[in-house]
Amino acid sequence: MPELVDDEPELRRQAVKRLEDKRGLMAHALAYFTVNLLLVALWYVTGAAFFWPVFPIFGWGIGLAFHTWDVLSPAPGPRQIEAEMERLRHTQR
C-alpha cells in the first residue's frame, strides 16, 4: 500500500509520475516487440539456419522484465518505511 499523502499537489505529482512511468513501460514494450519482430522477419527472409534473434530477444527481455518490475511493483508501505527509518537511526549511533 502506498504512503498516505494528505497534500493534494503532492498526490497529483505522484499520480502524474506513476502514469508517466506506465506510459514509458508501454513504449518500451512496444519497441521491444516491434524491433524483435523485425529481427525475426530478417532472420526468416535471409534463411539463416541458426535462430540468432534469440540473443537480442533474451537480453532485451531481461531489461524489459526489470523495467516492468520497477514500474508495477508496489511502493513501500508506511510500516516498511518506519522500520527502515528505525534501522537507519540505530546504524547512525
PDB file of N, CA and C in Angstrom:
ATOM      1  N   MET A   1       0.855  -1.175   0.000  1.00  0.00           N
ATOM      2  CA  MET A   1       0.000   0.000   0.000  1.00  0.00           C
ATOM      3  C   MET A   1       0.898   1.234   0.000  1.00  0.00           C
ATOM      4  N   PRO A   2       0.640   2.185  -0.916  1.00  0.00           N
ATOM      5  CA  PRO A   2       1.477   3.380  -0.980  1.00  0.00           C
ATOM      6  C   PRO A   2       1.320   4.257   0.253  1.00  0.00           C
ATOM      7  N   GLU A   3       2.318   5.096   0.448  1.00  0.00           N
ATOM      8  CA  GLU A   3       2.290   6.020   1.579  1.00  0.00           C
ATOM      9  C   GLU A   3       1.101   6.972   1.436  1.00  0.00           C
ATOM     10  N   LEU A   4       0.399   7.213   2.546  1.00  0.00           N
ATOM     11  CA  LEU A   4      -0.750   8.110   2.521  1.00  0.00           C
ATOM     12  C   LEU A   4      -0.271   9.553   2.441  1.00  0.00           C
ATOM     13  N   VAL A   5      -0.883  10.306   1.531  1.00  0.00           N
ATOM     14  CA  VAL A   5      -0.488  11.699   1.327  1.00  0.00           C
ATOM     15  C   VAL A   5      -1.730  12.564   1.460  1.00  0.00           C
ATOM     16  N   ASP A   6      -1.672  13.555   2.365  1.00  0.00           N
ATOM     17  CA  ASP A   6      -2.795  14.470   2.544  1.00  0.00           C
ATOM     18  C   ASP A   6      -2.677  15.683   1.638  1.00  0.00           C
ATOM     19  N   ASP A   7      -1.488  15.983   1.191  1.00  0.00           N
ATOM     20  CA  ASP A   7      -1.218  17.160   0.382  1.00  0.00           C
ATOM     21  C   ASP A   7      -1.668  16.907  -1.059  1.00  0.00           C
ATOM     22  N   GLU A   8      -2.676  17.635  -1.509  1.00  0.00           N
ATOM     23  CA  GLU A   8      -3.250  17.424  -2.848  1.00  0.00           C
ATOM     24  C   GLU A   8      -2.228  17.613  -3.973  1.00  0.00           C
ATOM     25  N   PRO A   9      -1.395  18.670  -3.966  1.00  0.00           N
ATOM     26  CA  PRO A   9      -0.393  18.807  -5.036  1.00  0.00           C
ATOM     27  C   PRO A   9       0.615  17.653  -5.049  1.00  0.00           C
ATOM     28  N   GLU A  10       0.999  17.170  -3.874  1.00  0.00           N
ATOM     29  CA  GLU A  10       1.939  16.045  -3.800  1.00  0.00           C
ATOM     30  C   GLU A  10       1.291  14.773  -4.336  1.00  0.00           C
ATOM     31  N   LEU A  11       0.027  14.576  -4.005  1.00  0.00           N
ATOM     32  CA  LEU A  11      -0.705  13.415  -4.503  1.00  0.00           C
ATOM     33  C   LEU A  11      -0.813  13.477  -6.024  1.00  0.00           C
ATOM     34  N   ARG A  12      -1.080  14.663  -6.552  1.00  0.00           N
ATOM     35  CA  ARG A  12      -1.163  14.844  -8.007  1.00  0.00           C
ATOM     36  C   ARG A  12       0.192  14.563  -8.651  1.00  0.00           C
ATOM     37  N   ARG A  13       1.273  15.048  -8.036  1.00  0.00           N
ATOM     38  CA  ARG A  13       2.612  14.818  -8.577  1.00  0.00           C
ATOM     39  C   ARG A  13       2.915  13.321  -8.637  1.00  0.00           C
ATOM     40  N   GLN A  14       2.560  12.611  -7.573  1.00  0.00           N
ATOM     41  CA  GLN A  14       2.787  11.170  -7.545  1.00  0.00           C
ATOM     42  C   GLN A  14       1.959  10.455  -8.612  1.00  0.00           C
ATOM     43  N   ALA A  15       0.706  10.886  -8.781  1.00  0.00           N
ATOM     44  CA  ALA A  15      -0.161  10.265  -9.785  1.00  0.00           C
ATOM     45  C   ALA A  15       0.379  10.502 -11.192  1.00  0.00           C
ATOM     46  N   VAL A  16       0.824  11.731 -11.470  1.00  0.00           N
ATOM     47  CA  VAL A  16       1.377  12.052 -12.787  1.00  0.00           C
ATOM     48  C   VAL A  16       2.639  11.234 -13.039  1.00  0.00           C
ATOM     49  N   LYS A  17       3.501  11.130 -12.033  1.00  0.00           N
ATOM     50  CA  LYS A  17       4.735  10.343 -12.184  1.00  0.00           C
ATOM     51  C   LYS A  17       4.416   8.886 -12.467  1.00  0.00           C
ATOM     52  N   ARG A  18       3.459   8.338 -11.743  1.00  0.00           N
ATOM     53  CA  ARG A  18       3.086   6.929 -11.943  1.00  0.00           C
ATOM     54  C   ARG A  18       2.527   6.707 -13.348  1.00  0.00           C
ATOM     55  N   LEU A  19       1.701   7.623 -13.820  1.00  0.00           N
ATOM     56  CA  LEU A  19       1.158   7.500 -15.175  1.00  0.00           C
ATOM     57  C   LEU A  19       2.253   7.629 -16.225  1.00  0.00           C
ATOM     58  N   GLU A  20       3.208   8.533 -16.006  1.00  0.00           N
ATOM     59  CA  GLU A  20       4.331   8.674 -16.938  1.00  0.00           C
ATOM     60  C   GLU A  20       5.191   7.412 -16.947  1.00  0.00           C
ATOM     61  N   ASP A  21       5.399   6.819 -15.778  1.00  0.00           N
ATOM     62  CA  ASP A  21       6.166   5.573 -15.699  1.00  0.00           C
ATOM     63  C   ASP A  21       5.469   4.453 -16.466  1.00  0.00           C
ATOM     64  N   LYS A  22       4.149   4.354 -16.318  1.00  0.00           N
ATOM     65  CA  LYS A  22       3.394   3.320 -17.036  1.00  0.00           C
ATOM     66  C   LYS A  22       3.443   3.558 -18.544  1.00  0.00           C
ATOM     67  N   ARG A  23       3.345   4.814 -18.948  1.00  0.00           N
ATOM     68  CA  ARG A  23       3.429   5.134 -20.375  1.00  0.00           C
ATOM     69  C   ARG A  23       4.816   4.780 -20.917  1.00  0.00           C
ATOM     70  N   GLY A  24       5.850   5.071 -20.147  1.00  0.00           N
ATOM     71  CA  GLY A  24       7.209   4.715 -20.549  1.00  0.00           C
ATOM     72  C   GLY A  24       7.382   3.214 -20.690  1.00  0.00           C
ATOM     73  N   LEU A  25       6.782   2.457 -19.780  1.00  0.00           N
ATOM     74  CA  LEU A  25       6.842   0.999 -19.867  1.00  0.00           C
ATOM     75  C   LEU A  25       6.135   0.501 -21.124  1.00  0.00           C
ATOM     76  N   MET A  26       4.988   1.084 -21.435  1.00  0.00           N
ATOM     77  CA  MET A  26       4.263   0.673 -22.645  1.00  0.00           C
ATOM     78  C   MET A  26       5.079   0.978 -23.899  1.00  0.00           C
ATOM     79  N   ALA A  27       5.743   2.126 -23.929  1.00  0.00           N
ATOM     80  CA  ALA A  27       6.592   2.475 -25.070  1.00  0.00           C
ATOM     81  C   ALA A  27       7.758   1.499 -25.177  1.00  0.00           C
ATOM     82  N   HIS A  28       8.347   1.134 -24.055  1.00  0.00           N
ATOM     83  CA  HIS A  28       9.454   0.176 -24.033  1.00  0.00           C
ATOM     84  C   HIS A  28       8.988  -1.180 -24.562  1.00  0.00           C
ATOM     85  N   ALA A  29       7.822  -1.644 -24.108  1.00  0.00           N
ATOM     86  CA  ALA A  29       7.286  -2.931 -24.560  1.00  0.00           C
ATOM     87  C   ALA A  29       6.968  -2.897 -26.054  1.00  0.00           C
ATOM     88  N   LEU A  30       6.400  -1.801 -26.529  1.00  0.00           N
ATOM     89  CA  LEU A  30       6.091  -1.677 -27.956  1.00  0.00           C
ATOM     90  C   LEU A  30       7.366  -1.709 -28.790  1.00  0.00           C
ATOM     91  N   ALA A  31       8.395  -1.000 -28.354  1.00  0.00           N
ATOM     92  CA  ALA A  31       9.679  -1.018 -29.068  1.00  0.00           C
ATOM     93  C   ALA A  31      10.273  -2.422 -29.051  1.00  0.00           C
ATOM     94  N   TYR A  32      10.202  -3.087 -27.924  1.00  0.00           N
ATOM     95  CA  TYR A  32      10.732  -4.454 -27.793  1.00  0.00           C
ATOM     96  C   TYR A  32      10.067  -5.388 -28.803  1.00  0.00           C
ATOM     97  N   PHE A  33       8.746  -5.392 -28.827  1.00  0.00           N
ATOM     98  CA  PHE A  33       8.037  -6.302 -29.723  1.00  0.00           C
ATOM     99  C   PHE A  33       8.226  -5.926 -31.187  1.00  0.00           C
ATOM    100  N   THR A  34       8.225  -4.645 -31.497  1.00  0.00           N
ATOM    101  CA  THR A  34       8.398  -4.213 -32.883  1.00  0.00           C
ATOM    102  C   THR A  34       9.781  -4.569 -33.410  1.00  0.00           C
ATOM    103  N   VAL A  35      10.805  -4.191 -32.678  1.00  0.00           N
ATOM    104  CA  VAL A  35      12.179  -4.453 -33.130  1.00  0.00           C
ATOM    105  C   VAL A  35      12.437  -5.951 -33.222  1.00  0.00           C
ATOM    106  N   ASN A  36      11.998  -6.704 -32.225  1.00  0.00           N
ATOM    107  CA  ASN A  36      12.254  -8.141 -32.260  1.00  0.00           C
ATOM    108  C   ASN A  36      11.447  -8.844 -33.346  1.00  0.00           C
ATOM    109  N   LEU A  37      10.271  -8.356 -33.648  1.00  0.00           N
ATOM    110  CA  LEU A  37       9.505  -8.897 -34.775  1.00  0.00           C
ATOM    111  C   LEU A  37      10.252  -8.649 -36.083  1.00  0.00           C
ATOM    112  N   LEU A  38      10.820  -7.457 -36.230  1.00  0.00           N
ATOM    113  CA  LEU A  38      11.612  -7.159 -37.425  1.00  0.00           C
ATOM    114  C   LEU A  38      12.861  -8.036 -37.494  1.00  0.00           C
ATOM    115  N   LEU A  39      13.499  -8.284 -36.371  1.00  0.00           N
ATOM    116  CA  LEU A  39      14.676  -9.156 -36.358  1.00  0.00           C
ATOM    117  C   LEU A  39      14.314 -10.591 -36.744  1.00  0.00           C
ATOM    118  N   VAL A  40      13.194 -11.081 -36.250  1.00  0.00           N
ATOM    119  CA  VAL A  40      12.746 -12.427 -36.616  1.00  0.00           C
ATOM    120  C   VAL A  40      12.399 -12.471 -38.098  1.00  0.00           C
ATOM    121  N   ALA A  41      11.759 -11.428 -38.619  1.00  0.00           N
ATOM    122  CA  ALA A  41      11.449 -11.375 -40.054  1.00  0.00           C
ATOM    123  C   ALA A  41      12.735 -11.361 -40.876  1.00  0.00           C
ATOM    124  N   LEU A  42      13.727 -10.606 -40.436  1.00  0.00           N
ATOM    125  CA  LEU A  42      15.019 -10.566 -41.126  1.00  0.00           C
ATOM    126  C   LEU A  42      15.676 -11.947 -41.117  1.00  0.00           C
ATOM    127  N   TRP A  43      15.638 -12.606 -39.987  1.00  0.00           N
ATOM    128  CA  TRP A  43      16.173 -13.967 -39.891  1.00  0.00           C
ATOM    129  C   TRP A  43      15.456 -14.897 -40.872  1.00  0.00           C
ATOM    130  N   TYR A  44      14.139 -14.797 -40.922  1.00  0.00           N
ATOM    131  CA  TYR A  44      13.336 -15.661 -41.800  1.00  0.00           C
ATOM    132  C   TYR A  44      13.650 -15.400 -43.272  1.00  0.00           C
ATOM    133  N   VAL A  45      13.724 -14.123 -43.648  1.00  0.00           N
ATOM    134  CA  VAL A  45      13.969 -13.749 -45.048  1.00  0.00           C
ATOM    135  C   VAL A  45      15.363 -14.177 -45.504  1.00  0.00           C
ATOM    136  N   THR A  46      16.344 -14.073 -44.629  1.00  0.00           N
ATOM    137  CA  THR A  46      17.710 -14.440 -45.019  1.00  0.00           C
ATOM    138  C   THR A  46      17.914 -15.944 -45.047  1.00  0.00           C
ATOM    139  N   GLY A  47      17.023 -16.694 -44.442  1.00  0.00           N
ATOM    140  CA  GLY A  47      17.131 -18.149 -44.463  1.00  0.00           C
ATOM    141  C   GLY A  47      18.242 -18.699 -43.593  1.00  0.00           C
ATOM    142  N   ALA A  48      18.667 -17.936 -42.618  1.00  0.00           N
ATOM    143  CA  ALA A  48      19.731 -18.400 -41.724  1.00  0.00           C
ATOM    144  C   ALA A  48      19.256 -19.632 -40.952  1.00  0.00           C
ATOM    145  N   ALA A  49      20.149 -20.593 -40.805  1.00  0.00           N
ATOM    146  CA  ALA A  49      19.788 -21.835 -40.124  1.00  0.00           C
ATOM    147  C   ALA A  49      19.665 -21.628 -38.613  1.00  0.00           C
ATOM    148  N   PHE A  50      20.590 -20.878 -38.057  1.00  0.00           N
ATOM    149  CA  PHE A  50      20.590 -20.659 -36.611  1.00  0.00           C
ATOM    150  C   PHE A  50      19.679 -19.486 -36.262  1.00  0.00           C
ATOM    151  N   PHE A  51      18.825 -19.667 -35.273  1.00  0.00           N
ATOM    152  CA  PHE A  51      17.886 -18.616 -34.857  1.00  0.00           C
ATOM    153  C   PHE A  51      18.608 -17.604 -33.968  1.00  0.00           C
ATOM    154  N   TRP A  52      19.369 -16.724 -34.608  1.00  0.00           N
ATOM    155  CA  TRP A  52      20.174 -15.735 -33.886  1.00  0.00           C
ATOM    156  C   TRP A  52      19.360 -14.651 -33.170  1.00  0.00           C
ATOM    157  N   PRO A  53      18.102 -14.356 -33.578  1.00  0.00           N
ATOM    158  CA  PRO A  53      17.349 -13.332 -32.825  1.00  0.00           C
ATOM    159  C   PRO A  53      17.111 -13.693 -31.359  1.00  0.00           C
ATOM    160  N   VAL A  54      17.373 -14.930 -30.991  1.00  0.00           N
ATOM    161  CA  VAL A  54      17.181 -15.322 -29.598  1.00  0.00           C
ATOM    162  C   VAL A  54      18.041 -14.473 -28.657  1.00  0.00           C
ATOM    163  N   PHE A  55      19.204 -14.041 -29.126  1.00  0.00           N
ATOM    164  CA  PHE A  55      20.102 -13.279 -28.255  1.00  0.00           C
ATOM    165  C   PHE A  55      19.548 -11.897 -27.908  1.00  0.00           C
ATOM    166  N   PRO A  56      19.140 -11.080 -28.900  1.00  0.00           N
ATOM    167  CA  PRO A  56      18.535  -9.797 -28.505  1.00  0.00           C
ATOM    168  C   PRO A  56      17.181  -9.973 -27.812  1.00  0.00           C
ATOM    169  N   ILE A  57      16.420 -10.985 -28.206  1.00  0.00           N
ATOM    170  CA  ILE A  57      15.127 -11.219 -27.553  1.00  0.00           C
ATOM    171  C   ILE A  57      15.347 -11.514 -26.069  1.00  0.00           C
ATOM    172  N   PHE A  58      16.286 -12.394 -25.775  1.00  0.00           N
ATOM    173  CA  PHE A  58      16.556 -12.771 -24.382  1.00  0.00           C
ATOM    174  C   PHE A  58      17.198 -11.621 -23.603  1.00  0.00           C
ATOM    175  N   GLY A  59      18.225 -11.016 -24.177  1.00  0.00           N
ATOM    176  CA  GLY A  59      18.934  -9.942 -23.476  1.00  0.00           C
ATOM    177  C   GLY A  59      18.051  -8.742 -23.193  1.00  0.00           C
ATOM    178  N   TRP A  60      17.359  -8.286 -24.218  1.00  0.00           N
ATOM    179  CA  TRP A  60      16.481  -7.135 -24.051  1.00  0.00           C
ATOM    180  C   TRP A  60      15.295  -7.505 -23.162  1.00  0.00           C
ATOM    181  N   GLY A  61      14.851  -8.759 -23.251  1.00  0.00           N
ATOM    182  CA  GLY A  61      13.740  -9.221 -22.418  1.00  0.00           C
ATOM    183  C   GLY A  61      14.050  -9.113 -20.934  1.00  0.00           C
ATOM    184  N   ILE A  62      15.308  -9.361 -20.576  1.00  0.00           N
ATOM    185  CA  ILE A  62      15.710  -9.206 -19.173  1.00  0.00           C
ATOM    186  C   ILE A  62      15.543  -7.745 -18.744  1.00  0.00           C
ATOM    187  N   GLY A  63      15.991  -6.828 -19.596  1.00  0.00           N
ATOM    188  CA  GLY A  63      15.835  -5.407 -19.288  1.00  0.00           C
ATOM    189  C   GLY A  63      14.374  -5.001 -19.180  1.00  0.00           C
ATOM    190  N   LEU A  64      13.544  -5.524 -20.082  1.00  0.00           N
ATOM    191  CA  LEU A  64      12.114  -5.219 -20.045  1.00  0.00           C
ATOM    192  C   LEU A  64      11.474  -5.788 -18.779  1.00  0.00           C
ATOM    193  N   ALA A  65      11.901  -6.972 -18.366  1.00  0.00           N
ATOM    194  CA  ALA A  65      11.361  -7.572 -17.138  1.00  0.00           C
ATOM    195  C   ALA A  65      11.695  -6.707 -15.920  1.00  0.00           C
ATOM    196  N   PHE A  66      12.934  -6.217 -15.848  1.00  0.00           N
ATOM    197  CA  PHE A  66      13.310  -5.350 -14.725  1.00  0.00           C
ATOM    198  C   PHE A  66      12.553  -4.023 -14.770  1.00  0.00           C
ATOM    199  N   HIS A  67      12.358  -3.482 -15.967  1.00  0.00           N
ATOM    200  CA  HIS A  67      11.595  -2.237 -16.101  1.00  0.00           C
ATOM    201  C   HIS A  67      10.158  -2.468 -15.628  1.00  0.00           C
ATOM    202  N   THR A  68       9.566  -3.595 -16.032  1.00  0.00           N
ATOM    203  CA  THR A  68       8.204  -3.931 -15.614  1.00  0.00           C
ATOM    204  C   THR A  68       8.126  -4.061 -14.099  1.00  0.00           C
ATOM    205  N   TRP A  69       9.094  -4.745 -13.515  1.00  0.00           N
ATOM    206  CA  TRP A  69       9.132  -4.912 -12.051  1.00  0.00           C
ATOM    207  C   TRP A  69       9.201  -3.548 -11.362  1.00  0.00           C
ATOM    208  N   ASP A  70      10.052  -2.672 -11.893  1.00  0.00           N
ATOM    209  CA  ASP A  70      10.232  -1.350 -11.295  1.00  0.00           C
ATOM    210  C   ASP A  70       8.940  -0.536 -11.335  1.00  0.00           C
ATOM    211  N   VAL A  71       8.223  -0.590 -12.445  1.00  0.00           N
ATOM    212  CA  VAL A  71       7.013   0.223 -12.604  1.00  0.00           C
ATOM    213  C   VAL A  71       5.824  -0.376 -11.861  1.00  0.00           C
ATOM    214  N   LEU A  72       5.676  -1.691 -11.897  1.00  0.00           N
ATOM    215  CA  LEU A  72       4.464  -2.307 -11.369  1.00  0.00           C
ATOM    216  C   LEU A  72       4.577  -2.839  -9.943  1.00  0.00           C
ATOM    217  N   SER A  73       5.782  -2.890  -9.386  1.00  0.00           N
ATOM    218  CA  SER A  73       5.902  -3.384  -8.011  1.00  0.00           C
ATOM    219  C   SER A  73       5.332  -2.342  -7.048  1.00  0.00           C
ATOM    220  N   PRO A  74       4.732  -2.810  -5.968  1.00  0.00           N
ATOM    221  CA  PRO A  74       4.113  -1.857  -5.039  1.00  0.00           C
ATOM    222  C   PRO A  74       5.158  -1.008  -4.318  1.00  0.00           C
ATOM    223  N   ALA A  75       4.768   0.195  -4.021  1.00  0.00           N
ATOM    224  CA  ALA A  75       5.637   1.104  -3.260  1.00  0.00           C
ATOM    225  C   ALA A  75       5.715   0.608  -1.820  1.00  0.00           C
ATOM    226  N   PRO A  76       6.789   0.927  -1.117  1.00  0.00           N
ATOM    227  CA  PRO A  76       6.877   0.504   0.286  1.00  0.00           C
ATOM    228  C   PRO A  76       5.772   1.153   1.117  1.00  0.00           C
ATOM    229  N   GLY A  77       5.231   0.373   2.020  1.00  0.00           N
ATOM    230  CA  GLY A  77       4.161   0.865   2.877  1.00  0.00           C
ATOM    231  C   GLY A  77       4.698   1.636   4.066  1.00  0.00           C
ATOM    232  N   PRO A  78       3.809   2.261   4.822  1.00  0.00           N
ATOM    233  CA  PRO A  78       4.223   3.061   5.980  1.00  0.00           C
ATOM    234  C   PRO A  78       5.014   2.254   7.014  1.00  0.00           C
ATOM    235  N   ARG A  79       4.634   0.997   7.237  1.00  0.00           N
ATOM    236  CA  ARG A  79       5.358   0.171   8.214  1.00  0.00           C
ATOM    237  C   ARG A  79       6.780  -0.105   7.748  1.00  0.00           C
ATOM    238  N   GLN A  80       6.932  -0.412   6.462  1.00  0.00           N
ATOM    239  CA  GLN A  80       8.267  -0.671   5.923  1.00  0.00           C
ATOM    240  C   GLN A  80       9.140   0.575   6.018  1.00  0.00           C
ATOM    241  N   ILE A  81       8.564   1.714   5.709  1.00  0.00           N
ATOM    242  CA  ILE A  81       9.314   2.975   5.771  1.00  0.00           C
ATOM    243  C   ILE A  81       9.740   3.261   7.207  1.00  0.00           C
ATOM    244  N   GLU A  82       8.819   3.085   8.136  1.00  0.00           N
ATOM    245  CA  GLU A  82       9.123   3.331   9.551  1.00  0.00           C
ATOM    246  C   GLU A  82      10.201   2.369  10.050  1.00  0.00           C
ATOM    247  N   ALA A  83      10.120   1.101   9.661  1.00  0.00           N
ATOM    248  CA  ALA A  83      11.121   0.113  10.078  1.00  0.00           C
ATOM    249  C   ALA A  83      12.495   0.466   9.515  1.00  0.00           C
ATOM    250  N   GLU A  84      12.543   0.906   8.273  1.00  0.00           N
ATOM    251  CA  GLU A  84      13.821   1.290   7.666  1.00  0.00           C
ATOM    252  C   GLU A  84      14.393   2.532   8.343  1.00  0.00           C
ATOM    253  N   MET A  85      13.539   3.486   8.671  1.00  0.00           N
ATOM    254  CA  MET A  85      13.994   4.681   9.385  1.00  0.00           C
ATOM    255  C   MET A  85      14.576   4.294  10.745  1.00  0.00           C
ATOM    256  N   GLU A  86      13.937   3.347  11.408  1.00  0.00           N
ATOM    257  CA  GLU A  86      14.426   2.891  12.713  1.00  0.00           C
ATOM    258  C   GLU A  86      15.792   2.222  12.570  1.00  0.00           C
ATOM    259  N   ARG A  87      15.967   1.395  11.542  1.00  0.00           N
ATOM    260  CA  ARG A  87      17.268   0.761  11.298  1.00  0.00           C
ATOM    261  C   ARG A  87      18.343   1.809  11.044  1.00  0.00           C
ATOM    262  N   LEU A  88      17.999   2.829  10.263  1.00  0.00           N
ATOM    263  CA  LEU A  88      18.961   3.893   9.971  1.00  0.00           C
ATOM    264  C   LEU A  88      19.339   4.666  11.233  1.00  0.00           C
ATOM    265  N   ARG A  89      18.371   4.891  12.101  1.00  0.00           N
ATOM    266  CA  ARG A  89      18.656   5.587  13.360  1.00  0.00           C
ATOM    267  C   ARG A  89      19.666   4.800  14.194  1.00  0.00           C
ATOM    268  N   HIS A  90      19.498   3.482  14.227  1.00  0.00           N
ATOM    269  CA  HIS A  90      20.397   2.640  15.025  1.00  0.00           C
ATOM    270  C   HIS A  90      21.789   2.559  14.417  1.00  0.00           C
ATOM    271  N   THR A  91      21.899   2.598  13.112  1.00  0.00           N
ATOM    272  CA  THR A  91      23.223   2.497  12.480  1.00  0.00           C
ATOM    273  C   THR A  91      23.989   3.802  12.570  1.00  0.00           C
ATOM    274  N   GLN A  92      23.295   4.920  12.794  1.00  0.00           N
ATOM    275  CA  GLN A  92      23.966   6.216  12.867  1.00  0.00           C
ATOM    276  C   GLN A  92      24.484   6.513  14.268  1.00  0.00           C
ATOM    277  N   ARG A  93      24.182   5.695  15.215  1.00  0.00           N
ATOM    278  CA  ARG A  93      24.624   5.928  16.603  1.00  0.00           C
ATOM    279  C   ARG A  93      26.010   5.426  16.827  1.00  0.00           C
TER     280      ARG A  93
END
